[in-house]
Amino acid sequence: MPLPKLADIGRVIAEGDPATMMTAERLQRIFSVGMGAFSHPQRHEPIPYLL
C-alpha cells in the first residue's frame, strides 16, 4: 500500500504516516496561518487546530 502524501500547491512536501507528516510547521506552511497538532488520546492520530 502506498504511503499517504501531503501536498502544497500541487507539490508533494511530505510522505509517510500522518503523525510524521502533520507537524505544526508543515501545516502552517500549507495554510499560511498559525496551526498546531496534538495526538488523539485513544487513536493516536494527529488532530490539527488553529492557533
N, C-alpha and C. Protein backbone atom coordinates (compact mmCIF):
# COMPACT_ATOMS: atom_id res chain seq x y z
N MET A 1 0.85 -1.17 0.00
CA MET A 1 0.00 0.00 0.00
C MET A 1 0.90 1.24 0.00
N PRO A 2 0.65 2.21 -0.89
CA PRO A 2 1.47 3.41 -0.92
C PRO A 2 1.28 4.25 0.34
N LEU A 3 2.33 4.95 0.72
CA LEU A 3 2.26 5.84 1.88
C LEU A 3 1.44 7.07 1.54
N PRO A 4 0.69 7.62 2.50
CA PRO A 4 -0.02 8.87 2.25
C PRO A 4 0.96 9.99 1.94
N LYS A 5 0.49 10.98 1.19
CA LYS A 5 1.33 12.12 0.82
C LYS A 5 0.64 13.41 1.26
N LEU A 6 1.43 14.42 1.54
CA LEU A 6 0.93 15.74 1.90
C LEU A 6 1.41 16.69 0.82
N ALA A 7 0.49 17.47 0.22
CA ALA A 7 0.84 18.34 -0.90
C ALA A 7 0.63 19.81 -0.55
N ASP A 8 1.44 20.65 -1.20
CA ASP A 8 1.34 22.11 -1.06
C ASP A 8 1.44 22.68 -2.46
N ILE A 9 0.39 23.28 -2.95
CA ILE A 9 0.32 23.86 -4.29
C ILE A 9 0.75 22.84 -5.34
N GLY A 10 0.22 21.63 -5.22
CA GLY A 10 0.45 20.60 -6.21
C GLY A 10 1.78 19.86 -6.09
N ARG A 11 2.63 20.25 -5.13
CA ARG A 11 3.91 19.56 -4.95
C ARG A 11 3.85 18.71 -3.70
N VAL A 12 4.37 17.51 -3.76
CA VAL A 12 4.46 16.65 -2.58
C VAL A 12 5.56 17.21 -1.68
N ILE A 13 5.19 17.51 -0.42
CA ILE A 13 6.18 18.05 0.52
C ILE A 13 6.50 17.08 1.64
N ALA A 14 5.72 16.02 1.76
CA ALA A 14 5.98 15.02 2.79
C ALA A 14 5.32 13.71 2.38
N GLU A 15 5.92 12.63 2.83
CA GLU A 15 5.37 11.31 2.55
C GLU A 15 5.63 10.45 3.77
N GLY A 16 4.62 9.74 4.23
CA GLY A 16 4.76 8.88 5.40
C GLY A 16 3.46 8.76 6.15
N ASP A 17 3.56 8.34 7.39
CA ASP A 17 2.34 8.20 8.18
C ASP A 17 1.87 9.59 8.63
N PRO A 18 0.56 9.76 8.89
CA PRO A 18 0.01 11.07 9.24
C PRO A 18 0.70 11.73 10.43
N ALA A 19 1.07 10.98 11.44
CA ALA A 19 1.70 11.58 12.62
C ALA A 19 3.03 12.22 12.27
N THR A 20 3.74 11.65 11.33
CA THR A 20 5.03 12.20 10.91
C THR A 20 4.84 13.42 10.02
N MET A 21 3.83 13.39 9.17
CA MET A 21 3.63 14.48 8.20
C MET A 21 2.95 15.70 8.79
N MET A 22 2.01 15.51 9.69
CA MET A 22 1.18 16.62 10.15
C MET A 22 1.82 17.34 11.34
N THR A 23 2.93 18.01 11.07
CA THR A 23 3.58 18.81 12.11
C THR A 23 3.06 20.24 12.04
N ALA A 24 3.19 20.98 13.12
CA ALA A 24 2.74 22.37 13.14
C ALA A 24 3.41 23.17 12.03
N GLU A 25 4.71 22.97 11.82
CA GLU A 25 5.44 23.72 10.81
C GLU A 25 4.91 23.46 9.41
N ARG A 26 4.66 22.20 9.09
CA ARG A 26 4.13 21.88 7.76
C ARG A 26 2.73 22.43 7.56
N LEU A 27 1.88 22.30 8.56
CA LEU A 27 0.51 22.81 8.46
C LEU A 27 0.51 24.32 8.29
N GLN A 28 1.37 25.03 9.03
CA GLN A 28 1.46 26.48 8.89
C GLN A 28 1.92 26.86 7.49
N ARG A 29 2.88 26.12 6.95
CA ARG A 29 3.37 26.39 5.60
C ARG A 29 2.27 26.22 4.55
N ILE A 30 1.47 25.18 4.69
CA ILE A 30 0.42 24.90 3.72
C ILE A 30 -0.72 25.91 3.82
N PHE A 31 -1.19 26.19 5.03
CA PHE A 31 -2.39 27.01 5.21
C PHE A 31 -2.11 28.47 5.51
N SER A 32 -0.84 28.84 5.71
CA SER A 32 -0.43 30.23 5.96
C SER A 32 -1.12 30.84 7.18
N VAL A 33 -1.42 30.03 8.16
CA VAL A 33 -1.97 30.50 9.45
C VAL A 33 -1.30 29.69 10.55
N GLY A 34 -1.30 30.24 11.75
CA GLY A 34 -0.73 29.51 12.88
C GLY A 34 -1.53 28.25 13.17
N MET A 35 -0.86 27.13 13.21
CA MET A 35 -1.53 25.86 13.46
C MET A 35 -0.68 25.01 14.38
N GLY A 36 -1.33 24.10 15.04
CA GLY A 36 -0.66 23.12 15.88
C GLY A 36 -1.32 21.77 15.65
N ALA A 37 -0.79 20.76 16.29
CA ALA A 37 -1.36 19.42 16.18
C ALA A 37 -1.08 18.68 17.48
N PHE A 38 -2.05 17.89 17.91
CA PHE A 38 -1.86 17.04 19.08
C PHE A 38 -2.34 15.64 18.74
N SER A 39 -1.93 14.68 19.51
CA SER A 39 -2.28 13.29 19.26
C SER A 39 -3.60 12.95 19.93
N HIS A 40 -4.49 12.29 19.19
CA HIS A 40 -5.76 11.84 19.75
C HIS A 40 -5.44 10.88 20.89
N PRO A 41 -6.08 11.03 22.05
CA PRO A 41 -5.71 10.23 23.22
C PRO A 41 -5.94 8.72 23.08
N GLN A 42 -6.85 8.30 22.22
CA GLN A 42 -7.12 6.87 22.08
C GLN A 42 -6.60 6.30 20.76
N ARG A 43 -6.80 7.04 19.68
CA ARG A 43 -6.40 6.52 18.36
C ARG A 43 -4.98 6.93 17.97
N HIS A 44 -4.41 7.88 18.69
CA HIS A 44 -3.05 8.36 18.44
C HIS A 44 -2.88 8.93 17.03
N GLU A 45 -3.96 9.49 16.48
CA GLU A 45 -3.92 10.16 15.17
C GLU A 45 -3.71 11.65 15.43
N PRO A 46 -3.04 12.35 14.52
CA PRO A 46 -2.85 13.78 14.71
C PRO A 46 -4.15 14.56 14.53
N ILE A 47 -4.40 15.49 15.41
CA ILE A 47 -5.56 16.38 15.34
C ILE A 47 -5.04 17.80 15.16
N PRO A 48 -5.22 18.39 13.97
CA PRO A 48 -4.73 19.76 13.76
C PRO A 48 -5.71 20.78 14.37
N TYR A 49 -5.17 21.94 14.74
CA TYR A 49 -6.01 23.03 15.27
C TYR A 49 -5.38 24.37 14.91
N LEU A 50 -6.22 25.39 14.85
CA LEU A 50 -5.76 26.76 14.61
C LEU A 50 -5.28 27.38 15.91
N LEU A 51 -4.24 28.19 15.81
CA LEU A 51 -3.75 28.92 16.98
C LEU A 51 -4.42 30.27 17.07
